[in-house]
């Protein structure tokens, strides 16, 4: 099975802005959010996209 164009994870400092149906990582600061996004990008073999200043998603293209 191959996943394409799929949100693998969401990382945020604002839990109210999370898309439903995905893994969620809550962070206390913007710096922590950026570090978690970079690590998950490598671990999940996806691409991190900043949607807003308090929300990143990891997407498989």
PDB file of N, CA and C in Angstrom:
ATOM      1  N   UNK A   1       0.839  -1.175   0.000  1.00  0.00           N
ATOM      2  CA  UNK A   1       0.000   0.000   0.000  1.00  0.00           C
ATOM      3  C   UNK A   1       0.884   1.237   0.000  1.00  0.00           C
ATOM      4  N   UNK A   2       0.560   2.200  -0.850  1.00  0.00           N
ATOM      5  CA  UNK A   2       1.341   3.420  -0.948  1.00  0.00           C
ATOM      6  C   UNK A   2       0.458   4.619  -0.609  1.00  0.00           C
ATOM      7  N   UNK A   3       0.905   5.433   0.352  1.00  0.00           N
ATOM      8  CA  UNK A   3       0.157   6.634   0.708  1.00  0.00           C
ATOM      9  C   UNK A   3       0.661   7.810  -0.112  1.00  0.00           C
ATOM     10  N   UNK A   4      -0.243   8.520  -0.748  1.00  0.00           N
ATOM     11  CA  UNK A   4       0.110   9.713  -1.501  1.00  0.00           C
ATOM     12  C   UNK A   4      -0.844  10.833  -1.127  1.00  0.00           C
ATOM     13  N   UNK A   5      -0.310  12.040  -1.013  1.00  0.00           N
ATOM     14  CA  UNK A   5      -1.100  13.222  -0.702  1.00  0.00           C
ATOM     15  C   UNK A   5      -1.959  13.000   0.533  1.00  0.00           C
ATOM     16  N   UNK A   6      -1.298  12.738   1.636  1.00  0.00           N
ATOM     17  CA  UNK A   6      -1.959  12.373   2.870  1.00  0.00           C
ATOM     18  C   UNK A   6      -1.323  13.142   4.021  1.00  0.00           C
ATOM     19  N   UNK A   7      -2.130  13.706   4.934  1.00  0.00           N
ATOM     20  CA  UNK A   7      -1.604  14.366   6.121  1.00  0.00           C
ATOM     21  C   UNK A   7      -1.235  13.290   7.133  1.00  0.00           C
ATOM     22  N   UNK A   8       0.040  13.227   7.483  1.00  0.00           N
ATOM     23  CA  UNK A   8       0.537  12.211   8.402  1.00  0.00           C
ATOM     24  C   UNK A   8       0.472  12.672   9.848  1.00  0.00           C
ATOM     25  N   UNK A   9       0.634  13.977  10.097  1.00  0.00           N
ATOM     26  CA  UNK A   9       0.645  14.494  11.461  1.00  0.00           C
ATOM     27  C   UNK A   9       0.395  15.993  11.444  1.00  0.00           C
ATOM     28  N   UNK A  10      -0.064  16.511  12.564  1.00  0.00           N
ATOM     29  CA  UNK A  10      -0.228  17.951  12.756  1.00  0.00           C
ATOM     30  C   UNK A  10       0.500  18.334  14.028  1.00  0.00           C
ATOM     31  N   UNK A  11       1.179  19.479  13.998  1.00  0.00           N
ATOM     32  CA  UNK A  11       1.933  19.972  15.137  1.00  0.00           C
ATOM     33  C   UNK A  11       1.453  21.391  15.405  1.00  0.00           C
ATOM     34  N   UNK A  12       1.112  21.692  16.659  1.00  0.00           N
ATOM     35  CA  UNK A  12       0.549  23.000  16.936  1.00  0.00           C
ATOM     36  C   UNK A  12       0.859  23.491  18.341  1.00  0.00           C
ATOM     37  N   UNK A  13       0.748  24.790  18.514  1.00  0.00           N
ATOM     38  CA  UNK A  13       0.760  25.401  19.832  1.00  0.00           C
ATOM     39  C   UNK A  13      -0.658  25.816  20.214  1.00  0.00           C
ATOM     40  N   UNK A  14      -1.621  25.609  19.308  1.00  0.00           N
ATOM     41  CA  UNK A  14      -3.017  25.970  19.535  1.00  0.00           C
ATOM     42  C   UNK A  14      -3.915  24.772  19.220  1.00  0.00           C
ATOM     43  N   UNK A  15      -4.300  24.003  20.224  1.00  0.00           N
ATOM     44  CA  UNK A  15      -5.075  22.778  19.984  1.00  0.00           C
ATOM     45  C   UNK A  15      -6.416  22.996  19.284  1.00  0.00           C
ATOM     46  N   UNK A  16      -6.931  24.199  19.271  1.00  0.00           N
ATOM     47  CA  UNK A  16      -8.211  24.476  18.605  1.00  0.00           C
ATOM     48  C   UNK A  16      -8.099  24.452  17.083  1.00  0.00           C
ATOM     49  N   UNK A  17      -6.887  24.445  16.548  1.00  0.00           N
ATOM     50  CA  UNK A  17      -6.685  24.517  15.104  1.00  0.00           C
ATOM     51  C   UNK A  17      -6.244  23.195  14.483  1.00  0.00           C
ATOM     52  N   UNK A  18      -6.617  22.089  15.075  1.00  0.00           N
ATOM     53  CA  UNK A  18      -6.154  20.793  14.581  1.00  0.00           C
ATOM     54  C   UNK A  18      -7.175  20.177  13.639  1.00  0.00           C
ATOM     55  N   UNK A  19      -6.716  19.719  12.463  1.00  0.00           N
ATOM     56  CA  UNK A  19      -7.627  18.975  11.587  1.00  0.00           C
ATOM     57  C   UNK A  19      -7.985  17.637  12.230  1.00  0.00           C
ATOM     58  N   UNK A  20      -9.205  17.196  12.029  1.00  0.00           N
ATOM     59  CA  UNK A  20      -9.613  15.926  12.634  1.00  0.00           C
ATOM     60  C   UNK A  20      -9.059  14.755  11.832  1.00  0.00           C
ATOM     61  N   UNK A  21      -8.910  13.621  12.504  1.00  0.00           N
ATOM     62  CA  UNK A  21      -8.495  12.395  11.838  1.00  0.00           C
ATOM     63  C   UNK A  21      -7.011  12.270  11.597  1.00  0.00           C
ATOM     64  N   UNK A  22      -6.185  12.956  12.358  1.00  0.00           N
ATOM     65  CA  UNK A  22      -4.738  12.849  12.168  1.00  0.00           C
ATOM     66  C   UNK A  22      -4.034  12.811  13.519  1.00  0.00           C
ATOM     67  N   UNK A  23      -2.802  12.351  13.524  1.00  0.00           N
ATOM     68  CA  UNK A  23      -1.986  12.363  14.742  1.00  0.00           C
ATOM     69  C   UNK A  23      -1.665  13.808  15.102  1.00  0.00           C
ATOM     70  N   UNK A  24      -1.776  14.146  16.380  1.00  0.00           N
ATOM     71  CA  UNK A  24      -1.591  15.525  16.828  1.00  0.00           C
ATOM     72  C   UNK A  24      -0.460  15.593  17.850  1.00  0.00           C
ATOM     73  N   UNK A  25       0.409  16.582  17.673  1.00  0.00           N
ATOM     74  CA  UNK A  25       1.481  16.838  18.614  1.00  0.00           C
ATOM     75  C   UNK A  25       1.312  18.260  19.128  1.00  0.00           C
ATOM     76  N   UNK A  26       1.105  18.406  20.449  1.00  0.00           N
ATOM     77  CA  UNK A  26       0.932  19.718  21.071  1.00  0.00           C
ATOM     78  C   UNK A  26       2.268  20.203  21.610  1.00  0.00           C
ATOM     79  N   UNK A  27       2.605  21.449  21.303  1.00  0.00           N
ATOM     80  CA  UNK A  27       3.874  22.021  21.747  1.00  0.00           C
ATOM     81  C   UNK A  27       3.610  23.286  22.558  1.00  0.00           C
ATOM     82  N   UNK A  28       4.558  23.626  23.421  1.00  0.00           N
ATOM     83  CA  UNK A  28       4.418  24.789  24.287  1.00  0.00           C
ATOM     84  C   UNK A  28       4.940  26.082  23.660  1.00  0.00           C
ATOM     85  N   UNK A  29       5.771  25.975  22.625  1.00  0.00           N
ATOM     86  CA  UNK A  29       6.347  27.176  22.022  1.00  0.00           C
ATOM     87  C   UNK A  29       6.516  26.978  20.519  1.00  0.00           C
ATOM     88  N   UNK A  30       6.736  28.077  19.822  1.00  0.00           N
ATOM     89  CA  UNK A  30       6.978  28.016  18.384  1.00  0.00           C
ATOM     90  C   UNK A  30       8.272  27.257  18.088  1.00  0.00           C
ATOM     91  N   UNK A  31       9.293  27.474  18.916  1.00  0.00           N
ATOM     92  CA  UNK A  31      10.579  26.797  18.720  1.00  0.00           C
ATOM     93  C   UNK A  31      10.424  25.283  18.863  1.00  0.00           C
ATOM     94  N   UNK A  32       9.684  24.854  19.887  1.00  0.00           N
ATOM     95  CA  UNK A  32       9.457  23.422  20.074  1.00  0.00           C
ATOM     96  C   UNK A  32       8.661  22.857  18.895  1.00  0.00           C
ATOM     97  N   UNK A  33       7.669  23.600  18.431  1.00  0.00           N
ATOM     98  CA  UNK A  33       6.850  23.155  17.305  1.00  0.00           C
ATOM     99  C   UNK A  33       7.711  22.966  16.049  1.00  0.00           C
ATOM    100  N   UNK A  34       8.613  23.890  15.770  1.00  0.00           N
ATOM    101  CA  UNK A  34       9.490  23.789  14.607  1.00  0.00           C
ATOM    102  C   UNK A  34      10.426  22.591  14.722  1.00  0.00           C
ATOM    103  N   UNK A  35      10.935  22.321  15.931  1.00  0.00           N
ATOM    104  CA  UNK A  35      11.833  21.179  16.145  1.00  0.00           C
ATOM    105  C   UNK A  35      11.087  19.863  15.968  1.00  0.00           C
ATOM    106  N   UNK A  36       9.885  19.763  16.527  1.00  0.00           N
ATOM    107  CA  UNK A  36       9.083  18.550  16.385  1.00  0.00           C
ATOM    108  C   UNK A  36       8.727  18.336  14.916  1.00  0.00           C
ATOM    109  N   UNK A  37       8.363  19.398  14.207  1.00  0.00           N
ATOM    110  CA  UNK A  37       8.029  19.287  12.782  1.00  0.00           C
ATOM    111  C   UNK A  37       9.230  18.779  11.984  1.00  0.00           C
ATOM    112  N   UNK A  38      10.416  19.307  12.270  1.00  0.00           N
ATOM    113  CA  UNK A  38      11.624  18.859  11.556  1.00  0.00           C
ATOM    114  C   UNK A  38      11.921  17.393  11.833  1.00  0.00           C
ATOM    115  N   UNK A  39      11.773  16.978  13.075  1.00  0.00           N
ATOM    116  CA  UNK A  39      12.027  15.574  13.419  1.00  0.00           C
ATOM    117  C   UNK A  39      11.004  14.657  12.774  1.00  0.00           C
ATOM    118  N   UNK A  40       9.727  14.998  12.836  1.00  0.00           N
ATOM    119  CA  UNK A  40       8.691  14.159  12.233  1.00  0.00           C
ATOM    120  C   UNK A  40       8.824  14.098  10.716  1.00  0.00           C
ATOM    121  N   UNK A  41       9.263  15.192  10.118  1.00  0.00           N
ATOM    122  CA  UNK A  41       9.491  15.222   8.675  1.00  0.00           C
ATOM    123  C   UNK A  41      10.476  14.120   8.279  1.00  0.00           C
ATOM    124  N   UNK A  42      11.551  13.994   9.038  1.00  0.00           N
ATOM    125  CA  UNK A  42      12.558  12.969   8.752  1.00  0.00           C
ATOM    126  C   UNK A  42      12.059  11.570   9.100  1.00  0.00           C
ATOM    127  N   UNK A  43      11.435  11.432  10.246  1.00  0.00           N
ATOM    128  CA  UNK A  43      10.969  10.119  10.701  1.00  0.00           C
ATOM    129  C   UNK A  43       9.898   9.552   9.783  1.00  0.00           C
ATOM    130  N   UNK A  44       8.944  10.394   9.374  1.00  0.00           N
ATOM    131  CA  UNK A  44       7.804   9.940   8.574  1.00  0.00           C
ATOM    132  C   UNK A  44       8.060   9.990   7.072  1.00  0.00           C
ATOM    133  N   UNK A  45       9.229  10.489   6.672  1.00  0.00           N
ATOM    134  CA  UNK A  45       9.570  10.634   5.258  1.00  0.00           C
ATOM    135  C   UNK A  45       8.519  11.475   4.537  1.00  0.00           C
ATOM    136  N   UNK A  46       8.171  12.599   5.160  1.00  0.00           N
ATOM    137  CA  UNK A  46       7.192  13.522   4.589  1.00  0.00           C
ATOM    138  C   UNK A  46       7.777  14.916   4.495  1.00  0.00           C
ATOM    139  N   UNK A  47       6.932  15.876   4.185  1.00  0.00           N
ATOM    140  CA  UNK A  47       7.345  17.270   4.069  1.00  0.00           C
ATOM    141  C   UNK A  47       6.541  18.089   5.079  1.00  0.00           C
ATOM    142  N   UNK A  48       7.231  18.942   5.847  1.00  0.00           N
ATOM    143  CA  UNK A  48       6.563  19.817   6.809  1.00  0.00           C
ATOM    144  C   UNK A  48       6.127  21.093   6.104  1.00  0.00           C
ATOM    145  N   UNK A  49       4.877  21.459   6.323  1.00  0.00           N
ATOM    146  CA  UNK A  49       4.332  22.697   5.763  1.00  0.00           C
ATOM    147  C   UNK A  49       3.765  23.540   6.898  1.00  0.00           C
ATOM    148  N   UNK A  50       4.147  24.801   6.939  1.00  0.00           N
ATOM    149  CA  UNK A  50       3.605  25.730   7.921  1.00  0.00           C
ATOM    150  C   UNK A  50       2.333  26.323   7.342  1.00  0.00           C
ATOM    151  N   UNK A  51       1.190  26.016   7.951  1.00  0.00           N
ATOM    152  CA  UNK A  51      -0.079  26.559   7.466  1.00  0.00           C
ATOM    153  C   UNK A  51      -0.373  27.915   8.093  1.00  0.00           C
ATOM    154  N   UNK A  52      -0.062  28.054   9.364  1.00  0.00           N
ATOM    155  CA  UNK A  52      -0.162  29.334  10.072  1.00  0.00           C
ATOM    156  C   UNK A  52       1.019  29.394  11.015  1.00  0.00           C
ATOM    157  N   UNK A  53       1.145  30.480  11.754  1.00  0.00           N
ATOM    158  CA  UNK A  53       2.287  30.571  12.663  1.00  0.00           C
ATOM    159  C   UNK A  53       2.179  29.618  13.843  1.00  0.00           C
ATOM    160  N   UNK A  54       1.010  29.009  14.042  1.00  0.00           N
ATOM    161  CA  UNK A  54       0.867  28.053  15.140  1.00  0.00           C
ATOM    162  C   UNK A  54       0.410  26.667  14.693  1.00  0.00           C
ATOM    163  N   UNK A  55       0.600  26.349  13.398  1.00  0.00           N
ATOM    164  CA  UNK A  55       0.185  25.039  12.896  1.00  0.00           C
ATOM    165  C   UNK A  55       1.079  24.566  11.745  1.00  0.00           C
ATOM    166  N   UNK A  56       1.672  23.409  11.932  1.00  0.00           N
ATOM    167  CA  UNK A  56       2.413  22.706  10.874  1.00  0.00           C
ATOM    168  C   UNK A  56       1.682  21.407  10.577  1.00  0.00           C
ATOM    169  N   UNK A  57       1.756  20.957   9.339  1.00  0.00           N
ATOM    170  CA  UNK A  57       1.301  19.616   8.986  1.00  0.00           C
ATOM    171  C   UNK A  57       2.443  18.896   8.280  1.00  0.00           C
ATOM    172  N   UNK A  58       2.499  17.587   8.472  1.00  0.00           N
ATOM    173  CA  UNK A  58       3.462  16.749   7.769  1.00  0.00           C
ATOM    174  C   UNK A  58       2.662  16.012   6.703  1.00  0.00           C
ATOM    175  N   UNK A  59       3.055  16.201   5.446  1.00  0.00           N
ATOM    176  CA  UNK A  59       2.308  15.665   4.318  1.00  0.00           C
ATOM    177  C   UNK A  59       3.178  14.712   3.528  1.00  0.00           C
ATOM    178  N   UNK A  60       2.569  13.631   3.080  1.00  0.00           N
ATOM    179  CA  UNK A  60       3.231  12.708   2.161  1.00  0.00           C
ATOM    180  C   UNK A  60       2.774  13.075   0.755  1.00  0.00           C
ATOM    181  N   UNK A  61       3.709  13.477  -0.093  1.00  0.00           N
ATOM    182  CA  UNK A  61       3.372  13.863  -1.478  1.00  0.00           C
ATOM    183  C   UNK A  61       3.493  12.680  -2.403  1.00  0.00           C
TER     184      UNK A  61
END
